[in-house]
Amino acid sequence: PSGGDVWFKEENLSSAGDGQLTRYRRNVVGFVFQFFNLIPDLTA
């Protein structure tokens, strides 16, 4: 954010560095979008 705080438990994501945010996205969050973004040359 440009201002304010985003918290995950006791972790303030607003002041997190790139590495910390990458770990959060990998280990905590799953994303599903409108467009499926599957790799066409790979099986399910």
PDB file of all heavy atoms in Angstrom:
ATOM      1  N   PRO A   1       0.813  -1.211   0.000  1.00  0.00           N
ATOM      2  CA  PRO A   1       0.000   0.000   0.000  1.00  0.00           C
ATOM      3  C   PRO A   1       0.849   1.264   0.000  1.00  0.00           C
ATOM      4  O   PRO A   1       2.016   1.251   0.392  1.00  0.00           O
ATOM      5  CB  PRO A   1      -0.807  -0.123   1.292  1.00  0.00           C
ATOM      6  CG  PRO A   1       0.045  -0.945   2.197  1.00  0.00           C
ATOM      7  CD  PRO A   1       0.764  -1.915   1.306  1.00  0.00           C
ATOM      8  N   SER A   2       0.230   2.340  -0.445  1.00  0.00           N
ATOM      9  CA  SER A   2       0.885   3.654  -0.344  1.00  0.00           C
ATOM     10  C   SER A   2       0.857   4.150   1.088  1.00  0.00           C
ATOM     11  O   SER A   2       1.678   4.979   1.494  1.00  0.00           O
ATOM     12  CB  SER A   2       0.169   4.657  -1.268  1.00  0.00           C
ATOM     13  OG  SER A   2       0.184   4.210  -2.601  1.00  0.00           O
ATOM     14  N   GLY A   3      -0.082   3.671   1.855  1.00  0.00           N
ATOM     15  CA  GLY A   3      -0.194   4.027   3.264  1.00  0.00           C
ATOM     16  C   GLY A   3      -1.067   3.017   3.982  1.00  0.00           C
ATOM     17  O   GLY A   3      -1.821   2.274   3.362  1.00  0.00           O
ATOM     18  N   GLY A   4      -0.952   2.967   5.295  1.00  0.00           N
ATOM     19  CA  GLY A   4      -1.685   1.975   6.081  1.00  0.00           C
ATOM     20  C   GLY A   4      -0.898   0.680   6.200  1.00  0.00           C
ATOM     21  O   GLY A   4       0.227   0.565   5.701  1.00  0.00           O
ATOM     22  N   ASP A   5      -1.482  -0.301   6.875  1.00  0.00           N
ATOM     23  CA  ASP A   5      -0.784  -1.549   7.166  1.00  0.00           C
ATOM     24  C   ASP A   5      -1.604  -2.759   6.737  1.00  0.00           C
ATOM     25  O   ASP A   5      -2.825  -2.795   6.920  1.00  0.00           O
ATOM     26  CB  ASP A   5      -0.501  -1.664   8.672  1.00  0.00           C
ATOM     27  CG  ASP A   5       0.452  -0.576   9.153  1.00  0.00           C
ATOM     28  OD1 ASP A   5       1.574  -0.512   8.623  1.00  0.00           O
ATOM     29  OD2 ASP A   5       0.055   0.208  10.034  1.00  0.00           O
ATOM     30  N   VAL A   6      -0.898  -3.749   6.188  1.00  0.00           N
ATOM     31  CA  VAL A   6      -1.481  -5.045   5.855  1.00  0.00           C
ATOM     32  C   VAL A   6      -0.793  -6.084   6.726  1.00  0.00           C
ATOM     33  O   VAL A   6       0.428  -6.266   6.635  1.00  0.00           O
ATOM     34  CB  VAL A   6      -1.288  -5.397   4.365  1.00  0.00           C
ATOM     35  CG1 VAL A   6      -1.909  -6.765   4.059  1.00  0.00           C
ATOM     36  CG2 VAL A   6      -1.897  -4.326   3.468  1.00  0.00           C
ATOM     37  N   TRP A   7      -1.567  -6.753   7.559  1.00  0.00           N
ATOM     38  CA  TRP A   7      -1.007  -7.712   8.505  1.00  0.00           C
ATOM     39  C   TRP A   7      -1.406  -9.130   8.151  1.00  0.00           C
ATOM     40  O   TRP A   7      -2.563  -9.397   7.807  1.00  0.00           O
ATOM     41  CB  TRP A   7      -1.489  -7.417   9.927  1.00  0.00           C
ATOM     42  CG  TRP A   7      -0.995  -6.125  10.499  1.00  0.00           C
ATOM     43  CD1 TRP A   7      -1.591  -4.899  10.396  1.00  0.00           C
ATOM     44  CD2 TRP A   7       0.183  -5.934  11.265  1.00  0.00           C
ATOM     45  NE1 TRP A   7      -0.849  -3.943  11.049  1.00  0.00           N
ATOM     46  CE2 TRP A   7       0.250  -4.553  11.594  1.00  0.00           C
ATOM     47  CE3 TRP A   7       1.203  -6.783  11.707  1.00  0.00           C
ATOM     48  CZ2 TRP A   7       1.289  -4.018  12.349  1.00  0.00           C
ATOM     49  CZ3 TRP A   7       2.230  -6.253  12.462  1.00  0.00           C
ATOM     50  CH2 TRP A   7       2.263  -4.883  12.767  1.00  0.00           C
ATOM     51  N   PHE A   8      -0.446 -10.055   8.245  1.00  0.00           N
ATOM     52  CA  PHE A   8      -0.716 -11.486   8.279  1.00  0.00           C
ATOM     53  C   PHE A   8      -0.212 -11.986   9.616  1.00  0.00           C
ATOM     54  O   PHE A   8       0.994 -12.020   9.865  1.00  0.00           O
ATOM     55  CB  PHE A   8      -0.014 -12.209   7.128  1.00  0.00           C
ATOM     56  CG  PHE A   8       0.028 -13.702   7.304  1.00  0.00           C
ATOM     57  CD1 PHE A   8      -1.150 -14.442   7.352  1.00  0.00           C
ATOM     58  CD2 PHE A   8       1.239 -14.375   7.431  1.00  0.00           C
ATOM     59  CE1 PHE A   8      -1.119 -15.822   7.535  1.00  0.00           C
ATOM     60  CE2 PHE A   8       1.280 -15.753   7.602  1.00  0.00           C
ATOM     61  CZ  PHE A   8       0.094 -16.474   7.659  1.00  0.00           C
ATOM     62  N   LYS A   9      -1.137 -12.308  10.497  1.00  0.00           N
ATOM     63  CA  LYS A   9      -0.801 -12.636  11.877  1.00  0.00           C
ATOM     64  C   LYS A   9       0.020 -11.482  12.470  1.00  0.00           C
ATOM     65  O   LYS A   9      -0.449 -10.371  12.537  1.00  0.00           O
ATOM     66  CB  LYS A   9      -0.096 -13.985  11.960  1.00  0.00           C
ATOM     67  CG  LYS A   9      -0.966 -15.151  11.465  1.00  0.00           C
ATOM     68  CD  LYS A   9      -0.285 -16.489  11.602  1.00  0.00           C
ATOM     69  CE  LYS A   9      -1.184 -17.619  11.152  1.00  0.00           C
ATOM     70  NZ  LYS A   9      -0.550 -18.943  11.244  1.00  0.00           N
ATOM     71  N   GLU A  10       1.266 -11.738  12.873  1.00  0.00           N
ATOM     72  CA  GLU A  10       2.102 -10.679  13.450  1.00  0.00           C
ATOM     73  C   GLU A  10       3.067 -10.083  12.434  1.00  0.00           C
ATOM     74  O   GLU A  10       3.965  -9.314  12.790  1.00  0.00           O
ATOM     75  CB  GLU A  10       2.897 -11.235  14.642  1.00  0.00           C
ATOM     76  CG  GLU A  10       2.040 -11.811  15.752  1.00  0.00           C
ATOM     77  CD  GLU A  10       1.069 -10.782  16.316  1.00  0.00           C
ATOM     78  OE1 GLU A  10       1.466  -9.608  16.489  1.00  0.00           O
ATOM     79  OE2 GLU A  10      -0.084 -11.155  16.583  1.00  0.00           O
ATOM     80  N   GLU A  11       2.889 -10.427  11.165  1.00  0.00           N
ATOM     81  CA  GLU A  11       3.804 -10.001  10.115  1.00  0.00           C
ATOM     82  C   GLU A  11       3.214  -8.821   9.350  1.00  0.00           C
ATOM     83  O   GLU A  11       2.122  -8.922   8.786  1.00  0.00           O
ATOM     84  CB  GLU A  11       4.043 -11.183   9.159  1.00  0.00           C
ATOM     85  CG  GLU A  11       5.073 -10.947   8.094  1.00  0.00           C
ATOM     86  CD  GLU A  11       5.288 -12.199   7.249  1.00  0.00           C
ATOM     87  OE1 GLU A  11       4.636 -13.239   7.518  1.00  0.00           O
ATOM     88  OE2 GLU A  11       6.104 -12.130   6.307  1.00  0.00           O
ATOM     89  N   ASN A  12       3.924  -7.705   9.346  1.00  0.00           N
ATOM     90  CA  ASN A  12       3.461  -6.510   8.633  1.00  0.00           C
ATOM     91  C   ASN A  12       3.974  -6.567   7.195  1.00  0.00           C
ATOM     92  O   ASN A  12       5.152  -6.333   6.930  1.00  0.00           O
ATOM     93  CB  ASN A  12       3.945  -5.240   9.328  1.00  0.00           C
ATOM     94  CG  ASN A  12       3.256  -3.997   8.792  1.00  0.00           C
ATOM     95  OD1 ASN A  12       2.758  -3.979   7.668  1.00  0.00           O
ATOM     96  ND2 ASN A  12       3.212  -2.951   9.599  1.00  0.00           N
ATOM     97  N   LEU A  13       3.059  -6.874   6.262  1.00  0.00           N
ATOM     98  CA  LEU A  13       3.437  -7.007   4.858  1.00  0.00           C
ATOM     99  C   LEU A  13       3.723  -5.652   4.203  1.00  0.00           C
ATOM    100  O   LEU A  13       4.381  -5.587   3.166  1.00  0.00           O
ATOM    101  CB  LEU A  13       2.339  -7.727   4.079  1.00  0.00           C
ATOM    102  CG  LEU A  13       1.962  -9.127   4.579  1.00  0.00           C
ATOM    103  CD1 LEU A  13       0.804  -9.686   3.749  1.00  0.00           C
ATOM    104  CD2 LEU A  13       3.154 -10.068   4.530  1.00  0.00           C
ATOM    105  N   SER A  14       3.229  -4.588   4.802  1.00  0.00           N
ATOM    106  CA  SER A  14       3.404  -3.257   4.219  1.00  0.00           C
ATOM    107  C   SER A  14       4.865  -2.828   4.196  1.00  0.00           C
ATOM    108  O   SER A  14       5.289  -2.090   3.304  1.00  0.00           O
ATOM    109  CB  SER A  14       2.582  -2.225   5.005  1.00  0.00           C
ATOM    110  OG  SER A  14       1.241  -2.626   5.097  1.00  0.00           O
ATOM    111  N   SER A  15       5.620  -3.279   5.162  1.00  0.00           N
ATOM    112  CA  SER A  15       7.034  -2.900   5.251  1.00  0.00           C
ATOM    113  C   SER A  15       7.953  -4.055   4.888  1.00  0.00           C
ATOM    114  O   SER A  15       9.164  -3.978   5.105  1.00  0.00           O
ATOM    115  CB  SER A  15       7.352  -2.414   6.671  1.00  0.00           C
ATOM    116  OG  SER A  15       7.007  -3.391   7.636  1.00  0.00           O
ATOM    117  N   ALA A  16       7.389  -5.126   4.334  1.00  0.00           N
ATOM    118  CA  ALA A  16       8.180  -6.311   4.008  1.00  0.00           C
ATOM    119  C   ALA A  16       9.028  -6.082   2.764  1.00  0.00           C
ATOM    120  O   ALA A  16       8.640  -5.350   1.844  1.00  0.00           O
ATOM    121  CB  ALA A  16       7.264  -7.511   3.806  1.00  0.00           C
ATOM    122  N   GLY A  17      10.169  -6.719   2.713  1.00  0.00           N
ATOM    123  CA  GLY A  17      11.017  -6.666   1.530  1.00  0.00           C
ATOM    124  C   GLY A  17      10.558  -7.659   0.482  1.00  0.00           C
ATOM    125  O   GLY A  17       9.640  -8.465   0.717  1.00  0.00           O
ATOM    126  N   ASP A  18      11.207  -7.629  -0.680  1.00  0.00           N
ATOM    127  CA  ASP A  18      10.805  -8.500  -1.784  1.00  0.00           C
ATOM    128  C   ASP A  18      10.903  -9.973  -1.416  1.00  0.00           C
ATOM    129  O   ASP A  18      10.015 -10.768  -1.762  1.00  0.00           O
ATOM    130  CB  ASP A  18      11.678  -8.224  -3.015  1.00  0.00           C
ATOM    131  CG  ASP A  18      11.392  -6.868  -3.644  1.00  0.00           C
ATOM    132  OD1 ASP A  18      10.315  -6.297  -3.355  1.00  0.00           O
ATOM    133  OD2 ASP A  18      12.237  -6.376  -4.416  1.00  0.00           O
ATOM    134  N   GLY A  19      11.953 -10.353  -0.724  1.00  0.00           N
ATOM    135  CA  GLY A  19      12.127 -11.751  -0.349  1.00  0.00           C
ATOM    136  C   GLY A  19      11.041 -12.230   0.595  1.00  0.00           C
ATOM    137  O   GLY A  19      10.506 -13.337   0.444  1.00  0.00           O
ATOM    138  N   GLN A  20      10.687 -11.398   1.559  1.00  0.00           N
ATOM    139  CA  GLN A  20       9.647 -11.752   2.521  1.00  0.00           C
ATOM    140  C   GLN A  20       8.295 -11.882   1.825  1.00  0.00           C
ATOM    141  O   GLN A  20       7.531 -12.808   2.100  1.00  0.00           O
ATOM    142  CB  GLN A  20       9.581 -10.685   3.615  1.00  0.00           C
ATOM    143  CG  GLN A  20       8.634 -11.015   4.766  1.00  0.00           C
ATOM    144  CD  GLN A  20       8.653  -9.929   5.835  1.00  0.00           C
ATOM    145  OE1 GLN A  20       9.473  -9.009   5.782  1.00  0.00           O
ATOM    146  NE2 GLN A  20       7.764 -10.041   6.796  1.00  0.00           N
ATOM    147  N   LEU A  21       8.005 -10.970   0.900  1.00  0.00           N
ATOM    148  CA  LEU A  21       6.742 -11.038   0.166  1.00  0.00           C
ATOM    149  C   LEU A  21       6.695 -12.268  -0.747  1.00  0.00           C
ATOM    150  O   LEU A  21       5.644 -12.900  -0.895  1.00  0.00           O
ATOM    151  CB  LEU A  21       6.537  -9.766  -0.656  1.00  0.00           C
ATOM    152  CG  LEU A  21       6.203  -8.501   0.129  1.00  0.00           C
ATOM    153  CD1 LEU A  21       6.169  -7.292  -0.805  1.00  0.00           C
ATOM    154  CD2 LEU A  21       4.875  -8.652   0.871  1.00  0.00           C
ATOM    155  N   THR A  22       7.827 -12.609  -1.344  1.00  0.00           N
ATOM    156  CA  THR A  22       7.877 -13.808  -2.188  1.00  0.00           C
ATOM    157  C   THR A  22       7.586 -15.055  -1.369  1.00  0.00           C
ATOM    158  O   THR A  22       6.812 -15.931  -1.791  1.00  0.00           O
ATOM    159  CB  THR A  22       9.250 -13.931  -2.864  1.00  0.00           C
ATOM    160  OG1 THR A  22       9.455 -12.805  -3.722  1.00  0.00           O
ATOM    161  CG2 THR A  22       9.342 -15.210  -3.692  1.00  0.00           C
ATOM    162  N   ARG A  23       8.165 -15.153  -0.187  1.00  0.00           N
ATOM    163  CA  ARG A  23       7.908 -16.307   0.673  1.00  0.00           C
ATOM    164  C   ARG A  23       6.446 -16.355   1.105  1.00  0.00           C
ATOM    165  O   ARG A  23       5.837 -17.431   1.166  1.00  0.00           O
ATOM    166  CB  ARG A  23       8.824 -16.262   1.903  1.00  0.00           C
ATOM    167  CG  ARG A  23      10.282 -16.577   1.595  1.00  0.00           C
ATOM    168  CD  ARG A  23      11.084 -16.760   2.863  1.00  0.00           C
ATOM    169  NE  ARG A  23      11.174 -15.527   3.647  1.00  0.00           N
ATOM    170  CZ  ARG A  23      12.095 -14.591   3.462  1.00  0.00           C
ATOM    171  NH1 ARG A  23      13.007 -14.735   2.500  1.00  0.00           N
ATOM    172  NH2 ARG A  23      12.121 -13.517   4.216  1.00  0.00           N
ATOM    173  N   TYR A  24       5.877 -15.197   1.393  1.00  0.00           N
ATOM    174  CA  TYR A  24       4.461 -15.135   1.779  1.00  0.00           C
ATOM    175  C   TYR A  24       3.579 -15.623   0.633  1.00  0.00           C
ATOM    176  O   TYR A  24       2.672 -16.443   0.837  1.00  0.00           O
ATOM    177  CB  TYR A  24       4.100 -13.693   2.155  1.00  0.00           C
ATOM    178  CG  TYR A  24       2.627 -13.442   2.345  1.00  0.00           C
ATOM    179  CD1 TYR A  24       1.959 -13.909   3.474  1.00  0.00           C
ATOM    180  CD2 TYR A  24       1.892 -12.726   1.393  1.00  0.00           C
ATOM    181  CE1 TYR A  24       0.604 -13.677   3.643  1.00  0.00           C
ATOM    182  CE2 TYR A  24       0.539 -12.490   1.571  1.00  0.00           C
ATOM    183  CZ  TYR A  24      -0.103 -12.968   2.686  1.00  0.00           C
ATOM    184  OH  TYR A  24      -1.446 -12.749   2.850  1.00  0.00           O
ATOM    185  N   ARG A  25       3.833 -15.144  -0.591  1.00  0.00           N
ATOM    186  CA  ARG A  25       3.024 -15.562  -1.742  1.00  0.00           C
ATOM    187  C   ARG A  25       3.173 -17.062  -2.005  1.00  0.00           C
ATOM    188  O   ARG A  25       2.198 -17.734  -2.335  1.00  0.00           O
ATOM    189  CB  ARG A  25       3.427 -14.771  -2.986  1.00  0.00           C
ATOM    190  CG  ARG A  25       3.039 -13.308  -2.953  1.00  0.00           C
ATOM    191  CD  ARG A  25       3.204 -12.671  -4.324  1.00  0.00           C
ATOM    192  NE  ARG A  25       4.587 -12.708  -4.786  1.00  0.00           N
ATOM    193  CZ  ARG A  25       5.477 -11.746  -4.594  1.00  0.00           C
ATOM    194  NH1 ARG A  25       5.134 -10.646  -3.934  1.00  0.00           N
ATOM    195  NH2 ARG A  25       6.707 -11.853  -5.059  1.00  0.00           N
ATOM    196  N   ARG A  26       4.378 -17.567  -1.853  1.00  0.00           N
ATOM    197  CA  ARG A  26       4.607 -18.987  -2.135  1.00  0.00           C
ATOM    198  C   ARG A  26       3.989 -19.899  -1.094  1.00  0.00           C
ATOM    199  O   ARG A  26       3.388 -20.918  -1.427  1.00  0.00           O
ATOM    200  CB  ARG A  26       6.123 -19.261  -2.199  1.00  0.00           C
ATOM    201  CG  ARG A  26       6.786 -18.779  -3.469  1.00  0.00           C
ATOM    202  CD  ARG A  26       8.258 -19.162  -3.474  1.00  0.00           C
ATOM    203  NE  ARG A  26       8.907 -18.795  -4.728  1.00  0.00           N
ATOM    204  CZ  ARG A  26      10.199 -18.989  -4.979  1.00  0.00           C
ATOM    205  NH1 ARG A  26      10.973 -19.520  -4.044  1.00  0.00           N
ATOM    206  NH2 ARG A  26      10.706 -18.639  -6.142  1.00  0.00           N
ATOM    207  N   ASN A  27       4.140 -19.547   0.176  1.00  0.00           N
ATOM    208  CA  ASN A  27       3.808 -20.472   1.253  1.00  0.00           C
ATOM    209  C   ASN A  27       2.440 -20.264   1.879  1.00  0.00           C
ATOM    210  O   ASN A  27       1.928 -21.173   2.538  1.00  0.00           O
ATOM    211  CB  ASN A  27       4.878 -20.380   2.348  1.00  0.00           C
ATOM    212  CG  ASN A  27       6.256 -20.753   1.843  1.00  0.00           C
ATOM    213  OD1 ASN A  27       6.409 -21.711   1.088  1.00  0.00           O
ATOM    214  ND2 ASN A  27       7.265 -19.992   2.235  1.00  0.00           N
ATOM    215  N   VAL A  28       1.844 -19.103   1.667  1.00  0.00           N
ATOM    216  CA  VAL A  28       0.583 -18.797   2.353  1.00  0.00           C
ATOM    217  C   VAL A  28      -0.585 -18.661   1.389  1.00  0.00           C
ATOM    218  O   VAL A  28      -1.709 -19.049   1.715  1.00  0.00           O
ATOM    219  CB  VAL A  28       0.730 -17.484   3.180  1.00  0.00           C
ATOM    220  CG1 VAL A  28      -0.585 -17.109   3.842  1.00  0.00           C
ATOM    221  CG2 VAL A  28       1.829 -17.640   4.228  1.00  0.00           C
ATOM    222  N   VAL A  29      -0.333 -18.160   0.176  1.00  0.00           N
ATOM    223  CA  VAL A  29      -1.415 -17.735  -0.708  1.00  0.00           C
ATOM    224  C   VAL A  29      -1.458 -18.567  -1.980  1.00  0.00           C
ATOM    225  O   VAL A  29      -0.429 -18.902  -2.569  1.00  0.00           O
ATOM    226  CB  VAL A  29      -1.239 -16.241  -1.101  1.00  0.00           C
ATOM    227  CG1 VAL A  29      -2.468 -15.753  -1.870  1.00  0.00           C
ATOM    228  CG2 VAL A  29      -1.018 -15.389   0.138  1.00  0.00           C
ATOM    229  N   GLY A  30      -2.691 -18.912  -2.402  1.00  0.00           N
ATOM    230  CA  GLY A  30      -2.935 -19.487  -3.715  1.00  0.00           C
ATOM    231  C   GLY A  30      -3.792 -18.525  -4.507  1.00  0.00           C
ATOM    232  O   GLY A  30      -4.680 -17.875  -3.946  1.00  0.00           O
ATOM    233  N   PHE A  31      -3.533 -18.403  -5.804  1.00  0.00           N
ATOM    234  CA  PHE A  31      -4.232 -17.440  -6.651  1.00  0.00           C
ATOM    235  C   PHE A  31      -5.000 -18.155  -7.759  1.00  0.00           C
ATOM    236  O   PHE A  31      -4.469 -19.064  -8.402  1.00  0.00           O
ATOM    237  CB  PHE A  31      -3.250 -16.453  -7.294  1.00  0.00           C
ATOM    238  CG  PHE A  31      -2.468 -15.618  -6.323  1.00  0.00           C
ATOM    239  CD1 PHE A  31      -1.199 -16.005  -5.909  1.00  0.00           C
ATOM    240  CD2 PHE A  31      -3.003 -14.441  -5.805  1.00  0.00           C
ATOM    241  CE1 PHE A  31      -0.477 -15.244  -5.013  1.00  0.00           C
ATOM    242  CE2 PHE A  31      -2.283 -13.670  -4.907  1.00  0.00           C
ATOM    243  CZ  PHE A  31      -1.020 -14.071  -4.509  1.00  0.00           C
ATOM    244  N   VAL A  32      -6.243 -17.704  -7.972  1.00  0.00           N
ATOM    245  CA  VAL A  32      -7.062 -18.169  -9.092  1.00  0.00           C
ATOM    246  C   VAL A  32      -7.592 -16.928  -9.799  1.00  0.00           C
ATOM    247  O   VAL A  32      -8.194 -16.059  -9.160  1.00  0.00           O
ATOM    248  CB  VAL A  32      -8.239 -19.052  -8.623  1.00  0.00           C
ATOM    249  CG1 VAL A  32      -9.086 -19.504  -9.821  1.00  0.00           C
ATOM    250  CG2 VAL A  32      -7.734 -20.264  -7.844  1.00  0.00           C
ATOM    251  N   PHE A  33      -7.382 -16.856 -11.110  1.00  0.00           N
ATOM    252  CA  PHE A  33      -7.762 -15.671 -11.868  1.00  0.00           C
ATOM    253  C   PHE A  33      -8.850 -15.988 -12.888  1.00  0.00           C
ATOM    254  O   PHE A  33      -9.174 -17.150 -13.145  1.00  0.00           O
ATOM    255  CB  PHE A  33      -6.536 -15.071 -12.567  1.00  0.00           C
ATOM    256  CG  PHE A  33      -5.432 -14.673 -11.637  1.00  0.00           C
ATOM    257  CD1 PHE A  33      -4.312 -15.477 -11.469  1.00  0.00           C
ATOM    258  CD2 PHE A  33      -5.514 -13.502 -10.898  1.00  0.00           C
ATOM    259  CE1 PHE A  33      -3.291 -15.113 -10.598  1.00  0.00           C
ATOM    260  CE2 PHE A  33      -4.502 -13.128 -10.025  1.00  0.00           C
ATOM    261  CZ  PHE A  33      -3.393 -13.932  -9.875  1.00  0.00           C
ATOM    262  N   GLN A  34      -9.389 -14.931 -13.475  1.00  0.00           N
ATOM    263  CA  GLN A  34     -10.430 -15.091 -14.486  1.00  0.00           C
ATOM    264  C   GLN A  34      -9.912 -15.880 -15.686  1.00  0.00           C
ATOM    265  O   GLN A  34     -10.601 -16.754 -16.213  1.00  0.00           O
ATOM    266  CB  GLN A  34     -10.933 -13.717 -14.938  1.00  0.00           C
ATOM    267  CG  GLN A  34     -11.944 -13.783 -16.082  1.00  0.00           C
ATOM    268  CD  GLN A  34     -12.452 -12.403 -16.468  1.00  0.00           C
ATOM    269  OE1 GLN A  34     -12.176 -11.413 -15.789  1.00  0.00           O
ATOM    270  NE2 GLN A  34     -13.190 -12.326 -17.556  1.00  0.00           N
ATOM    271  N   PHE A  35      -8.702 -15.553 -16.124  1.00  0.00           N
ATOM    272  CA  PHE A  35      -8.089 -16.256 -17.246  1.00  0.00           C
ATOM    273  C   PHE A  35      -7.129 -17.287 -16.678  1.00  0.00           C
ATOM    274  O   PHE A  35      -6.321 -16.981 -15.802  1.00  0.00           O
ATOM    275  CB  PHE A  35      -7.415 -15.258 -18.180  1.00  0.00           C
ATOM    276  CG  PHE A  35      -8.372 -14.238 -18.723  1.00  0.00           C
ATOM    277  CD1 PHE A  35      -8.366 -12.941 -18.254  1.00  0.00           C
ATOM    278  CD2 PHE A  35      -9.322 -14.593 -19.664  1.00  0.00           C
ATOM    279  CE1 PHE A  35      -9.263 -12.002 -18.731  1.00  0.00           C
ATOM    280  CE2 PHE A  35     -10.229 -13.673 -20.147  1.00  0.00           C
ATOM    281  CZ  PHE A  35     -10.204 -12.364 -19.685  1.00  0.00           C
ATOM    282  N   PHE A  36      -7.216 -18.493 -17.161  1.00  0.00           N
ATOM    283  CA  PHE A  36      -6.645 -19.648 -16.474  1.00  0.00           C
ATOM    284  C   PHE A  36      -5.117 -19.628 -16.444  1.00  0.00           C
ATOM    285  O   PHE A  36      -4.503 -20.148 -15.518  1.00  0.00           O
ATOM    286  CB  PHE A  36      -7.157 -20.932 -17.142  1.00  0.00           C
ATOM    287  CG  PHE A  36      -8.593 -20.829 -17.590  1.00  0.00           C
ATOM    288  CD1 PHE A  36      -8.940 -21.023 -18.920  1.00  0.00           C
ATOM    289  CD2 PHE A  36      -9.599 -20.501 -16.688  1.00  0.00           C
ATOM    290  CE1 PHE A  36     -10.252 -20.909 -19.343  1.00  0.00           C
ATOM    291  CE2 PHE A  36     -10.922 -20.374 -17.101  1.00  0.00           C
ATOM    292  CZ  PHE A  36     -11.248 -20.579 -18.436  1.00  0.00           C
ATOM    293  N   ASN A  37      -4.477 -19.049 -17.488  1.00  0.00           N
ATOM    294  CA  ASN A  37      -3.018 -18.912 -17.525  1.00  0.00           C
ATOM    295  C   ASN A  37      -2.292 -20.241 -17.378  1.00  0.00           C
ATOM    296  O   ASN A  37      -1.229 -20.315 -16.757  1.00  0.00           O
ATOM    297  CB  ASN A  37      -2.542 -17.943 -16.428  1.00  0.00           C
ATOM    298  CG  ASN A  37      -3.099 -16.545 -16.619  1.00  0.00           C
ATOM    299  OD1 ASN A  37      -3.227 -16.069 -17.739  1.00  0.00           O
ATOM    300  ND2 ASN A  37      -3.434 -15.880 -15.522  1.00  0.00           N
ATOM    301  N   LEU A  38      -2.874 -21.300 -17.959  1.00  0.00           N
ATOM    302  CA  LEU A  38      -2.176 -22.582 -17.973  1.00  0.00           C
ATOM    303  C   LEU A  38      -1.121 -22.572 -19.072  1.00  0.00           C
ATOM    304  O   LEU A  38      -1.269 -21.893 -20.092  1.00  0.00           O
ATOM    305  CB  LEU A  38      -3.170 -23.724 -18.224  1.00  0.00           C
ATOM    306  CG  LEU A  38      -4.304 -23.885 -17.207  1.00  0.00           C
ATOM    307  CD1 LEU A  38      -5.197 -25.040 -17.606  1.00  0.00           C
ATOM    308  CD2 LEU A  38      -3.767 -24.077 -15.798  1.00  0.00           C
ATOM    309  N   ILE A  39      -0.054 -23.317 -18.861  1.00  0.00           N
ATOM    310  CA  ILE A  39       0.987 -23.432 -19.886  1.00  0.00           C
ATOM    311  C   ILE A  39       0.492 -24.413 -20.939  1.00  0.00           C
ATOM    312  O   ILE A  39       0.256 -25.594 -20.642  1.00  0.00           O
ATOM    313  CB  ILE A  39       2.311 -23.898 -19.256  1.00  0.00           C
ATOM    314  CG1 ILE A  39       2.766 -22.875 -18.198  1.00  0.00           C
ATOM    315  CG2 ILE A  39       3.382 -24.072 -20.330  1.00  0.00           C
ATOM    316  CD1 ILE A  39       3.974 -23.310 -17.403  1.00  0.00           C
ATOM    317  N   PRO A  40       0.313 -23.963 -22.180  1.00  0.00           N
ATOM    318  CA  PRO A  40      -0.383 -24.785 -23.182  1.00  0.00           C
ATOM    319  C   PRO A  40       0.344 -26.069 -23.557  1.00  0.00           C
ATOM    320  O   PRO A  40      -0.298 -27.049 -23.953  1.00  0.00           O
ATOM    321  CB  PRO A  40      -0.506 -23.849 -24.391  1.00  0.00           C
ATOM    322  CG  PRO A  40       0.521 -22.792 -24.184  1.00  0.00           C
ATOM    323  CD  PRO A  40       0.651 -22.627 -22.706  1.00  0.00           C
ATOM    324  N   ASP A  41       1.674 -26.099 -23.432  1.00  0.00           N
ATOM    325  CA  ASP A  41       2.439 -27.274 -23.844  1.00  0.00           C
ATOM    326  C   ASP A  41       2.588 -28.304 -22.725  1.00  0.00           C
ATOM    327  O   ASP A  41       3.297 -29.309 -22.909  1.00  0.00           O
ATOM    328  CB  ASP A  41       3.826 -26.854 -24.327  1.00  0.00           C
ATOM    329  CG  ASP A  41       3.760 -26.008 -25.595  1.00  0.00           C
ATOM    330  OD1 ASP A  41       2.783 -26.157 -26.352  1.00  0.00           O
ATOM    331  OD2 ASP A  41       4.681 -25.188 -25.809  1.00  0.00           O
ATOM    332  N   LEU A  42       1.965 -28.039 -21.578  1.00  0.00           N
ATOM    333  CA  LEU A  42       2.045 -28.967 -20.449  1.00  0.00           C
ATOM    334  C   LEU A  42       0.679 -29.562 -20.157  1.00  0.00           C
ATOM    335  O   LEU A  42      -0.356 -28.922 -20.353  1.00  0.00           O
ATOM    336  CB  LEU A  42       2.563 -28.250 -19.201  1.00  0.00           C
ATOM    337  CG  LEU A  42       3.954 -27.615 -19.287  1.00  0.00           C
ATOM    338  CD1 LEU A  42       4.325 -27.012 -17.943  1.00  0.00           C
ATOM    339  CD2 LEU A  42       4.998 -28.628 -19.731  1.00  0.00           C
ATOM    340  N   THR A  43       0.669 -30.798 -19.679  1.00  0.00           N
ATOM    341  CA  THR A  43      -0.582 -31.446 -19.296  1.00  0.00           C
ATOM    342  C   THR A  43      -1.109 -30.834 -17.994  1.00  0.00           C
ATOM    343  O   THR A  43      -0.423 -30.036 -17.338  1.00  0.00           O
ATOM    344  CB  THR A  43      -0.378 -32.946 -19.075  1.00  0.00           C
ATOM    345  OG1 THR A  43       0.517 -33.133 -17.961  1.00  0.00           O
ATOM    346  CG2 THR A  43       0.196 -33.608 -20.322  1.00  0.00           C
ATOM    347  N   ALA A  44      -2.313 -31.241 -17.625  1.00  0.00           N
ATOM    348  CA  ALA A  44      -2.897 -30.761 -16.368  1.00  0.00           C
ATOM    349  C   ALA A  44      -1.978 -31.087 -15.193  1.00  0.00           C
ATOM    350  O   ALA A  44      -1.686 -30.239 -14.349  1.00  0.00           O
ATOM    351  CB  ALA A  44      -4.268 -31.386 -16.154  1.00  0.00           C
TER     352      ALA A  44
END
